[in-house]
Amino acid sequence: RRVVSLVPSLTEALAVTVPDRLVGATDWCTHPADLDVPR
């Protein structure tokens, strides 16, 4: 339910598929363009 992604591709996949579960990502995670999670 609470997922941190350290891979840009996986970050985008999670943000598009289960946006409510993505709670953190790397500075290099640039997609979706409006991604707003802690880095």
PDB file of all heavy atoms in Angstrom:
ATOM      1  N   ARG A   1       0.814  -1.222   0.000  1.00  0.00           N
ATOM      2  CA  ARG A   1       0.000   0.000   0.000  1.00  0.00           C
ATOM      3  C   ARG A   1       0.842   1.263   0.000  1.00  0.00           C
ATOM      4  O   ARG A   1       0.374   2.330  -0.389  1.00  0.00           O
ATOM      5  CB  ARG A   1      -0.920   0.006   1.230  1.00  0.00           C
ATOM      6  CG  ARG A   1      -1.903  -1.158   1.278  1.00  0.00           C
ATOM      7  CD  ARG A   1      -2.928  -1.071   0.185  1.00  0.00           C
ATOM      8  NE  ARG A   1      -3.860  -2.197   0.220  1.00  0.00           N
ATOM      9  CZ  ARG A   1      -4.805  -2.394  -0.698  1.00  0.00           C
ATOM     10  NH1 ARG A   1      -4.940  -1.535  -1.694  1.00  0.00           N
ATOM     11  NH2 ARG A   1      -5.611  -3.439  -0.616  1.00  0.00           N
ATOM     12  N   ARG A   2       2.086   1.150   0.474  1.00  0.00           N
ATOM     13  CA  ARG A   2       2.982   2.300   0.505  1.00  0.00           C
ATOM     14  C   ARG A   2       4.284   1.865  -0.192  1.00  0.00           C
ATOM     15  O   ARG A   2       5.035   1.051   0.344  1.00  0.00           O
ATOM     16  CB  ARG A   2       3.272   2.765   1.937  1.00  0.00           C
ATOM     17  CG  ARG A   2       2.046   3.299   2.660  1.00  0.00           C
ATOM     18  CD  ARG A   2       2.409   3.796   4.063  1.00  0.00           C
ATOM     19  NE  ARG A   2       3.421   4.848   4.053  1.00  0.00           N
ATOM     20  CZ  ARG A   2       3.177   6.131   3.794  1.00  0.00           C
ATOM     21  NH1 ARG A   2       1.931   6.528   3.520  1.00  0.00           N
ATOM     22  NH2 ARG A   2       4.143   7.022   3.814  1.00  0.00           N
ATOM     23  N   VAL A   3       4.490   2.415  -1.396  1.00  0.00           N
ATOM     24  CA  VAL A   3       5.591   1.958  -2.238  1.00  0.00           C
ATOM     25  C   VAL A   3       6.525   3.120  -2.558  1.00  0.00           C
ATOM     26  O   VAL A   3       6.076   4.205  -2.941  1.00  0.00           O
ATOM     27  CB  VAL A   3       5.073   1.346  -3.550  1.00  0.00           C
ATOM     28  CG1 VAL A   3       6.232   0.752  -4.359  1.00  0.00           C
ATOM     29  CG2 VAL A   3       4.016   0.281  -3.278  1.00  0.00           C
ATOM     30  N   VAL A   4       7.817   2.865  -2.392  1.00  0.00           N
ATOM     31  CA  VAL A   4       8.857   3.805  -2.835  1.00  0.00           C
ATOM     32  C   VAL A   4       9.521   3.177  -4.053  1.00  0.00           C
ATOM     33  O   VAL A   4       9.907   2.007  -4.031  1.00  0.00           O
ATOM     34  CB  VAL A   4       9.901   4.068  -1.733  1.00  0.00           C
ATOM     35  CG1 VAL A   4      11.087   4.868  -2.290  1.00  0.00           C
ATOM     36  CG2 VAL A   4       9.264   4.815  -0.568  1.00  0.00           C
ATOM     37  N   SER A   5       9.669   3.958  -5.116  1.00  0.00           N
ATOM     38  CA  SER A   5      10.288   3.462  -6.344  1.00  0.00           C
ATOM     39  C   SER A   5      11.634   4.123  -6.556  1.00  0.00           C
ATOM     40  O   SER A   5      11.757   5.355  -6.510  1.00  0.00           O
ATOM     41  CB  SER A   5       9.388   3.731  -7.553  1.00  0.00           C
ATOM     42  OG  SER A   5      10.082   3.420  -8.747  1.00  0.00           O
ATOM     43  N   LEU A   6      12.637   3.294  -6.828  1.00  0.00           N
ATOM     44  CA  LEU A   6      13.983   3.794  -7.115  1.00  0.00           C
ATOM     45  C   LEU A   6      14.329   3.642  -8.591  1.00  0.00           C
ATOM     46  O   LEU A   6      15.497   3.667  -8.961  1.00  0.00           O
ATOM     47  CB  LEU A   6      15.011   3.050  -6.255  1.00  0.00           C
ATOM     48  CG  LEU A   6      14.806   3.140  -4.739  1.00  0.00           C
ATOM     49  CD1 LEU A   6      15.956   2.453  -4.004  1.00  0.00           C
ATOM     50  CD2 LEU A   6      14.670   4.591  -4.281  1.00  0.00           C
ATOM     51  N   VAL A   7      13.312   3.500  -9.433  1.00  0.00           N
ATOM     52  CA  VAL A   7      13.506   3.313 -10.876  1.00  0.00           C
ATOM     53  C   VAL A   7      12.497   4.175 -11.631  1.00  0.00           C
ATOM     54  O   VAL A   7      11.287   4.019 -11.441  1.00  0.00           O
ATOM     55  CB  VAL A   7      13.302   1.830 -11.271  1.00  0.00           C
ATOM     56  CG1 VAL A   7      13.643   1.618 -12.743  1.00  0.00           C
ATOM     57  CG2 VAL A   7      14.140   0.916 -10.394  1.00  0.00           C
ATOM     58  N   PRO A   8      12.945   5.081 -12.498  1.00  0.00           N
ATOM     59  CA  PRO A   8      12.003   5.943 -13.220  1.00  0.00           C
ATOM     60  C   PRO A   8      10.903   5.195 -13.961  1.00  0.00           C
ATOM     61  O   PRO A   8       9.737   5.597 -13.920  1.00  0.00           O
ATOM     62  CB  PRO A   8      12.914   6.721 -14.179  1.00  0.00           C
ATOM     63  CG  PRO A   8      14.216   6.812 -13.438  1.00  0.00           C
ATOM     64  CD  PRO A   8      14.347   5.481 -12.732  1.00  0.00           C
ATOM     65  N   SER A   9      11.240   4.108 -14.657  1.00  0.00           N
ATOM     66  CA  SER A   9      10.215   3.351 -15.388  1.00  0.00           C
ATOM     67  C   SER A   9       9.154   2.811 -14.439  1.00  0.00           C
ATOM     68  O   SER A   9       7.945   2.873 -14.729  1.00  0.00           O
ATOM     69  CB  SER A   9      10.858   2.179 -16.138  1.00  0.00           C
ATOM     70  OG  SER A   9      11.694   2.623 -17.172  1.00  0.00           O
ATOM     71  N   LEU A  10       9.584   2.263 -13.314  1.00  0.00           N
ATOM     72  CA  LEU A  10       8.642   1.695 -12.352  1.00  0.00           C
ATOM     73  C   LEU A  10       7.830   2.792 -11.677  1.00  0.00           C
ATOM     74  O   LEU A  10       6.644   2.612 -11.388  1.00  0.00           O
ATOM     75  CB  LEU A  10       9.386   0.866 -11.311  1.00  0.00           C
ATOM     76  CG  LEU A  10      10.169  -0.336 -11.846  1.00  0.00           C
ATOM     77  CD1 LEU A  10      10.894  -1.050 -10.711  1.00  0.00           C
ATOM     78  CD2 LEU A  10       9.246  -1.302 -12.570  1.00  0.00           C
ATOM     79  N   THR A  11       8.463   3.925 -11.443  1.00  0.00           N
ATOM     80  CA  THR A  11       7.746   5.053 -10.855  1.00  0.00           C
ATOM     81  C   THR A  11       6.579   5.465 -11.739  1.00  0.00           C
ATOM     82  O   THR A  11       5.444   5.645 -11.273  1.00  0.00           O
ATOM     83  CB  THR A  11       8.692   6.249 -10.660  1.00  0.00           C
ATOM     84  OG1 THR A  11       9.717   5.888  -9.730  1.00  0.00           O
ATOM     85  CG2 THR A  11       7.942   7.467 -10.154  1.00  0.00           C
ATOM     86  N   GLU A  12       6.841   5.604 -13.034  1.00  0.00           N
ATOM     87  CA  GLU A  12       5.770   5.999 -13.951  1.00  0.00           C
ATOM     88  C   GLU A  12       4.665   4.945 -13.974  1.00  0.00           C
ATOM     89  O   GLU A  12       3.478   5.272 -13.957  1.00  0.00           O
ATOM     90  CB  GLU A  12       6.317   6.220 -15.354  1.00  0.00           C
ATOM     91  CG  GLU A  12       5.243   6.698 -16.315  1.00  0.00           C
ATOM     92  CD  GLU A  12       5.747   6.922 -17.728  1.00  0.00           C
ATOM     93  OE1 GLU A  12       6.808   6.375 -18.095  1.00  0.00           O
ATOM     94  OE2 GLU A  12       5.058   7.638 -18.476  1.00  0.00           O
ATOM     95  N   ALA A  13       5.056   3.672 -14.014  1.00  0.00           N
ATOM     96  CA  ALA A  13       4.066   2.599 -14.045  1.00  0.00           C
ATOM     97  C   ALA A  13       3.172   2.640 -12.808  1.00  0.00           C
ATOM     98  O   ALA A  13       1.945   2.487 -12.896  1.00  0.00           O
ATOM     99  CB  ALA A  13       4.762   1.253 -14.153  1.00  0.00           C
ATOM    100  N   LEU A  14       3.772   2.839 -11.656  1.00  0.00           N
ATOM    101  CA  LEU A  14       2.999   2.885 -10.412  1.00  0.00           C
ATOM    102  C   LEU A  14       2.146   4.146 -10.338  1.00  0.00           C
ATOM    103  O   LEU A  14       0.990   4.104  -9.903  1.00  0.00           O
ATOM    104  CB  LEU A  14       3.946   2.816  -9.213  1.00  0.00           C
ATOM    105  CG  LEU A  14       4.718   1.499  -9.057  1.00  0.00           C
ATOM    106  CD1 LEU A  14       5.814   1.644  -8.018  1.00  0.00           C
ATOM    107  CD2 LEU A  14       3.771   0.357  -8.685  1.00  0.00           C
ATOM    108  N   ALA A  15       2.707   5.280 -10.756  1.00  0.00           N
ATOM    109  CA  ALA A  15       1.977   6.538 -10.688  1.00  0.00           C
ATOM    110  C   ALA A  15       0.747   6.523 -11.586  1.00  0.00           C
ATOM    111  O   ALA A  15      -0.281   7.135 -11.269  1.00  0.00           O
ATOM    112  CB  ALA A  15       2.894   7.694 -11.074  1.00  0.00           C
ATOM    113  N   VAL A  16       0.849   5.826 -12.717  1.00  0.00           N
ATOM    114  CA  VAL A  16      -0.279   5.737 -13.644  1.00  0.00           C
ATOM    115  C   VAL A  16      -1.294   4.689 -13.186  1.00  0.00           C
ATOM    116  O   VAL A  16      -2.500   4.872 -13.343  1.00  0.00           O
ATOM    117  CB  VAL A  16       0.234   5.405 -15.060  1.00  0.00           C
ATOM    118  CG1 VAL A  16      -0.916   5.037 -15.995  1.00  0.00           C
ATOM    119  CG2 VAL A  16       1.014   6.583 -15.632  1.00  0.00           C
ATOM    120  N   THR A  17      -0.808   3.606 -12.591  1.00  0.00           N
ATOM    121  CA  THR A  17      -1.670   2.467 -12.265  1.00  0.00           C
ATOM    122  C   THR A  17      -2.248   2.537 -10.858  1.00  0.00           C
ATOM    123  O   THR A  17      -3.438   2.271 -10.646  1.00  0.00           O
ATOM    124  CB  THR A  17      -0.879   1.153 -12.433  1.00  0.00           C
ATOM    125  OG1 THR A  17      -0.250   1.135 -13.716  1.00  0.00           O
ATOM    126  CG2 THR A  17      -1.792  -0.053 -12.300  1.00  0.00           C
ATOM    127  N   VAL A  18      -1.405   2.868  -9.874  1.00  0.00           N
ATOM    128  CA  VAL A  18      -1.848   2.929  -8.471  1.00  0.00           C
ATOM    129  C   VAL A  18      -1.296   4.203  -7.826  1.00  0.00           C
ATOM    130  O   VAL A  18      -0.471   4.145  -6.914  1.00  0.00           O
ATOM    131  CB  VAL A  18      -1.398   1.676  -7.675  1.00  0.00           C
ATOM    132  CG1 VAL A  18      -2.243   0.469  -8.031  1.00  0.00           C
ATOM    133  CG2 VAL A  18       0.079   1.366  -7.922  1.00  0.00           C
ATOM    134  N   PRO A  19      -1.732   5.366  -8.285  1.00  0.00           N
ATOM    135  CA  PRO A  19      -1.149   6.624  -7.803  1.00  0.00           C
ATOM    136  C   PRO A  19      -1.250   6.826  -6.301  1.00  0.00           C
ATOM    137  O   PRO A  19      -0.389   7.471  -5.699  1.00  0.00           O
ATOM    138  CB  PRO A  19      -1.940   7.696  -8.570  1.00  0.00           C
ATOM    139  CG  PRO A  19      -3.212   7.018  -8.979  1.00  0.00           C
ATOM    140  CD  PRO A  19      -2.837   5.588  -9.232  1.00  0.00           C
ATOM    141  N   ASP A  20      -2.276   6.254  -5.685  1.00  0.00           N
ATOM    142  CA  ASP A  20      -2.466   6.445  -4.249  1.00  0.00           C
ATOM    143  C   ASP A  20      -1.472   5.650  -3.416  1.00  0.00           C
ATOM    144  O   ASP A  20      -1.322   5.899  -2.216  1.00  0.00           O
ATOM    145  CB  ASP A  20      -3.884   6.041  -3.851  1.00  0.00           C
ATOM    146  CG  ASP A  20      -4.208   4.605  -4.233  1.00  0.00           C
ATOM    147  OD1 ASP A  20      -3.867   4.203  -5.366  1.00  0.00           O
ATOM    148  OD2 ASP A  20      -4.808   3.887  -3.418  1.00  0.00           O
ATOM    149  N   ARG A  21      -0.769   4.702  -4.049  1.00  0.00           N
ATOM    150  CA  ARG A  21       0.160   3.863  -3.289  1.00  0.00           C
ATOM    151  C   ARG A  21       1.614   4.318  -3.405  1.00  0.00           C
ATOM    152  O   ARG A  21       2.466   3.855  -2.635  1.00  0.00           O
ATOM    153  CB  ARG A  21       0.051   2.413  -3.744  1.00  0.00           C
ATOM    154  CG  ARG A  21      -1.353   1.837  -3.645  1.00  0.00           C
ATOM    155  CD  ARG A  21      -1.324   0.340  -3.725  1.00  0.00           C
ATOM    156  NE  ARG A  21      -2.602  -0.219  -4.140  1.00  0.00           N
ATOM    157  CZ  ARG A  21      -2.863  -1.509  -4.219  1.00  0.00           C
ATOM    158  NH1 ARG A  21      -1.920  -2.394  -3.915  1.00  0.00           N
ATOM    159  NH2 ARG A  21      -4.047  -1.943  -4.620  1.00  0.00           N
ATOM    160  N   LEU A  22       1.932   5.177  -4.354  1.00  0.00           N
ATOM    161  CA  LEU A  22       3.303   5.640  -4.540  1.00  0.00           C
ATOM    162  C   LEU A  22       3.595   6.774  -3.557  1.00  0.00           C
ATOM    163  O   LEU A  22       2.978   7.839  -3.625  1.00  0.00           O
ATOM    164  CB  LEU A  22       3.499   6.131  -5.980  1.00  0.00           C
ATOM    165  CG  LEU A  22       4.908   6.573  -6.354  1.00  0.00           C
ATOM    166  CD1 LEU A  22       5.887   5.408  -6.314  1.00  0.00           C
ATOM    167  CD2 LEU A  22       4.911   7.220  -7.742  1.00  0.00           C
ATOM    168  N   VAL A  23       4.535   6.535  -2.638  1.00  0.00           N
ATOM    169  CA  VAL A  23       4.800   7.520  -1.583  1.00  0.00           C
ATOM    170  C   VAL A  23       6.201   8.127  -1.675  1.00  0.00           C
ATOM    171  O   VAL A  23       6.540   8.998  -0.874  1.00  0.00           O
ATOM    172  CB  VAL A  23       4.596   6.905  -0.188  1.00  0.00           C
ATOM    173  CG1 VAL A  23       3.151   6.449  -0.020  1.00  0.00           C
ATOM    174  CG2 VAL A  23       5.568   5.744   0.060  1.00  0.00           C
ATOM    175  N   GLY A  24       7.011   7.687  -2.645  1.00  0.00           N
ATOM    176  CA  GLY A  24       8.355   8.249  -2.775  1.00  0.00           C
ATOM    177  C   GLY A  24       8.999   7.794  -4.070  1.00  0.00           C
ATOM    178  O   GLY A  24       8.682   6.723  -4.600  1.00  0.00           O
ATOM    179  N   ALA A  25       9.916   8.637  -4.591  1.00  0.00           N
ATOM    180  CA  ALA A  25      10.586   8.337  -5.852  1.00  0.00           C
ATOM    181  C   ALA A  25      11.915   9.065  -5.889  1.00  0.00           C
ATOM    182  O   ALA A  25      12.196   9.936  -5.053  1.00  0.00           O
ATOM    183  CB  ALA A  25       9.711   8.752  -7.040  1.00  0.00           C
ATOM    184  N   THR A  26      12.752   8.738  -6.887  1.00  0.00           N
ATOM    185  CA  THR A  26      14.055   9.382  -6.994  1.00  0.00           C
ATOM    186  C   THR A  26      13.952  10.741  -7.684  1.00  0.00           C
ATOM    187  O   THR A  26      12.928  11.078  -8.289  1.00  0.00           O
ATOM    188  CB  THR A  26      15.043   8.516  -7.803  1.00  0.00           C
ATOM    189  OG1 THR A  26      14.718   8.598  -9.203  1.00  0.00           O
ATOM    190  CG2 THR A  26      15.027   7.073  -7.339  1.00  0.00           C
ATOM    191  N   ASP A  27      15.033  11.483  -7.621  1.00  0.00           N
ATOM    192  CA  ASP A  27      15.092  12.775  -8.305  1.00  0.00           C
ATOM    193  C   ASP A  27      15.020  12.605  -9.818  1.00  0.00           C
ATOM    194  O   ASP A  27      14.713  13.559 -10.540  1.00  0.00           O
ATOM    195  CB  ASP A  27      16.386  13.505  -7.949  1.00  0.00           C
ATOM    196  CG  ASP A  27      16.485  13.846  -6.480  1.00  0.00           C
ATOM    197  OD1 ASP A  27      15.446  13.787  -5.784  1.00  0.00           O
ATOM    198  OD2 ASP A  27      17.598  14.162  -6.013  1.00  0.00           O
ATOM    199  N   TRP A  28      15.358  11.420 -10.312  1.00  0.00           N
ATOM    200  CA  TRP A  28      15.378  11.159 -11.757  1.00  0.00           C
ATOM    201  C   TRP A  28      14.026  10.693 -12.273  1.00  0.00           C
ATOM    202  O   TRP A  28      13.869  10.468 -13.485  1.00  0.00           O
ATOM    203  CB  TRP A  28      16.440  10.102 -12.080  1.00  0.00           C
ATOM    204  CG  TRP A  28      17.820  10.539 -11.728  1.00  0.00           C
ATOM    205  CD1 TRP A  28      18.548  10.184 -10.626  1.00  0.00           C
ATOM    206  CD2 TRP A  28      18.654  11.444 -12.470  1.00  0.00           C
ATOM    207  NE1 TRP A  28      19.777  10.795 -10.632  1.00  0.00           N
ATOM    208  CE2 TRP A  28      19.867  11.579 -11.757  1.00  0.00           C
ATOM    209  CE3 TRP A  28      18.490  12.140 -13.665  1.00  0.00           C
ATOM    210  CZ2 TRP A  28      20.906  12.385 -12.190  1.00  0.00           C
ATOM    211  CZ3 TRP A  28      19.526  12.947 -14.108  1.00  0.00           C
ATOM    212  CH2 TRP A  28      20.713  13.063 -13.375  1.00  0.00           C
ATOM    213  N   CYS A  29      13.057  10.546 -11.421  1.00  0.00           N
ATOM    214  CA  CYS A  29      11.731  10.084 -11.836  1.00  0.00           C
ATOM    215  C   CYS A  29      10.938  11.288 -12.361  1.00  0.00           C
ATOM    216  O   CYS A  29      10.347  12.038 -11.581  1.00  0.00           O
ATOM    217  CB  CYS A  29      11.028   9.413 -10.663  1.00  0.00           C
ATOM    218  SG  CYS A  29      11.851   7.880 -10.123  1.00  0.00           S
ATOM    219  N   THR A  30      10.925  11.453 -13.668  1.00  0.00           N
ATOM    220  CA  THR A  30      10.389  12.660 -14.299  1.00  0.00           C
ATOM    221  C   THR A  30       8.998  12.476 -14.896  1.00  0.00           C
ATOM    222  O   THR A  30       8.427  13.436 -15.419  1.00  0.00           O
ATOM    223  CB  THR A  30      11.330  13.135 -15.407  1.00  0.00           C
ATOM    224  OG1 THR A  30      11.525  12.066 -16.353  1.00  0.00           O
ATOM    225  CG2 THR A  30      12.683  13.540 -14.824  1.00  0.00           C
ATOM    226  N   HIS A  31       8.466  11.254 -14.866  1.00  0.00           N
ATOM    227  CA  HIS A  31       7.146  11.006 -15.438  1.00  0.00           C
ATOM    228  C   HIS A  31       6.284  10.257 -14.435  1.00  0.00           C
ATOM    229  O   HIS A  31       6.802   9.399 -13.720  1.00  0.00           O
ATOM    230  CB  HIS A  31       7.266  10.191 -16.739  1.00  0.00           C
ATOM    231  CG  HIS A  31       7.795  10.999 -17.880  1.00  0.00           C
ATOM    232  ND1 HIS A  31       9.126  11.311 -18.015  1.00  0.00           N
ATOM    233  CD2 HIS A  31       7.164  11.555 -18.963  1.00  0.00           C
ATOM    234  CE1 HIS A  31       9.304  12.024 -19.122  1.00  0.00           C
ATOM    235  NE2 HIS A  31       8.132  12.173 -19.698  1.00  0.00           N
ATOM    236  N   PRO A  32       4.995  10.584 -14.409  1.00  0.00           N
ATOM    237  CA  PRO A  32       4.290  11.633 -15.140  1.00  0.00           C
ATOM    238  C   PRO A  32       4.831  13.022 -14.798  1.00  0.00           C
ATOM    239  O   PRO A  32       5.445  13.220 -13.735  1.00  0.00           O
ATOM    240  CB  PRO A  32       2.841  11.490 -14.671  1.00  0.00           C
ATOM    241  CG  PRO A  32       2.758  10.129 -14.079  1.00  0.00           C
ATOM    242  CD  PRO A  32       4.102   9.830 -13.511  1.00  0.00           C
ATOM    243  N   ALA A  33       4.587  13.965 -15.690  1.00  0.00           N
ATOM    244  CA  ALA A  33       5.153  15.303 -15.520  1.00  0.00           C
ATOM    245  C   ALA A  33       4.668  15.985 -14.252  1.00  0.00           C
ATOM    246  O   ALA A  33       5.377  16.827 -13.682  1.00  0.00           O
ATOM    247  CB  ALA A  33       4.807  16.161 -16.742  1.00  0.00           C
ATOM    248  N   ASP A  34       3.480  15.629 -13.796  1.00  0.00           N
ATOM    249  CA  ASP A  34       2.913  16.266 -12.601  1.00  0.00           C
ATOM    250  C   ASP A  34       3.141  15.440 -11.333  1.00  0.00           C
ATOM    251  O   ASP A  34       2.484  15.664 -10.313  1.00  0.00           O
ATOM    252  CB  ASP A  34       1.419  16.513 -12.789  1.00  0.00           C
ATOM    253  CG  ASP A  34       0.619  15.226 -13.027  1.00  0.00           C
ATOM    254  OD1 ASP A  34       1.246  14.156 -13.199  1.00  0.00           O
ATOM    255  OD2 ASP A  34      -0.628  15.290 -13.046  1.00  0.00           O
ATOM    256  N   LEU A  35       4.087  14.521 -11.379  1.00  0.00           N
ATOM    257  CA  LEU A  35       4.346  13.667 -10.219  1.00  0.00           C
ATOM    258  C   LEU A  35       4.721  14.514  -8.997  1.00  0.00           C
ATOM    259  O   LEU A  35       5.649  15.315  -9.051  1.00  0.00           O
ATOM    260  CB  LEU A  35       5.482  12.690 -10.545  1.00  0.00           C
ATOM    261  CG  LEU A  35       5.853  11.689  -9.449  1.00  0.00           C
ATOM    262  CD1 LEU A  35       4.696  10.736  -9.188  1.00  0.00           C
ATOM    263  CD2 LEU A  35       7.108  10.921  -9.849  1.00  0.00           C
ATOM    264  N   ASP A  36       4.008  14.306  -7.920  1.00  0.00           N
ATOM    265  CA  ASP A  36       4.229  15.091  -6.702  1.00  0.00           C
ATOM    266  C   ASP A  36       4.317  14.153  -5.510  1.00  0.00           C
ATOM    267  O   ASP A  36       3.334  13.904  -4.809  1.00  0.00           O
ATOM    268  CB  ASP A  36       3.087  16.102  -6.525  1.00  0.00           C
ATOM    269  CG  ASP A  36       3.287  17.001  -5.308  1.00  0.00           C
ATOM    270  OD1 ASP A  36       4.440  17.091  -4.827  1.00  0.00           O
ATOM    271  OD2 ASP A  36       2.298  17.596  -4.833  1.00  0.00           O
ATOM    272  N   VAL A  37       5.518  13.604  -5.313  1.00  0.00           N
ATOM    273  CA  VAL A  37       5.780  12.729  -4.171  1.00  0.00           C
ATOM    274  C   VAL A  37       7.130  13.118  -3.580  1.00  0.00           C
ATOM    275  O   VAL A  37       7.961  13.739  -4.255  1.00  0.00           O
ATOM    276  CB  VAL A  37       5.798  11.235  -4.579  1.00  0.00           C
ATOM    277  CG1 VAL A  37       4.435  10.789  -5.077  1.00  0.00           C
ATOM    278  CG2 VAL A  37       6.880  10.963  -5.621  1.00  0.00           C
ATOM    279  N   PRO A  38       7.393  12.765  -2.323  1.00  0.00           N
ATOM    280  CA  PRO A  38       8.705  13.036  -1.740  1.00  0.00           C
ATOM    281  C   PRO A  38       9.820  12.368  -2.543  1.00  0.00           C
ATOM    282  O   PRO A  38       9.655  11.261  -3.061  1.00  0.00           O
ATOM    283  CB  PRO A  38       8.600  12.442  -0.334  1.00  0.00           C
ATOM    284  CG  PRO A  38       7.142  12.442  -0.031  1.00  0.00           C
ATOM    285  CD  PRO A  38       6.463  12.169  -1.331  1.00  0.00           C
ATOM    286  N   ARG A  39      10.957  13.052  -2.639  1.00  0.00           N
ATOM    287  CA  ARG A  39      12.100  12.536  -3.387  1.00  0.00           C
ATOM    288  C   ARG A  39      13.150  11.981  -2.430  1.00  0.00           C
ATOM    289  O   ARG A  39      13.377  12.522  -1.343  1.00  0.00           O
ATOM    290  CB  ARG A  39      12.704  13.637  -4.258  1.00  0.00           C
ATOM    291  CG  ARG A  39      11.685  14.264  -5.235  1.00  0.00           C
ATOM    292  CD  ARG A  39      11.157  13.257  -6.238  1.00  0.00           C
ATOM    293  NE  ARG A  39      10.108  13.806  -7.088  1.00  0.00           N
ATOM    294  CZ  ARG A  39       9.938  13.487  -8.372  1.00  0.00           C
ATOM    295  NH1 ARG A  39      10.752  12.606  -8.942  1.00  0.00           N
ATOM    296  NH2 ARG A  39       8.955  14.020  -9.057  1.00  0.00           N
TER     297      ARG A  39
END
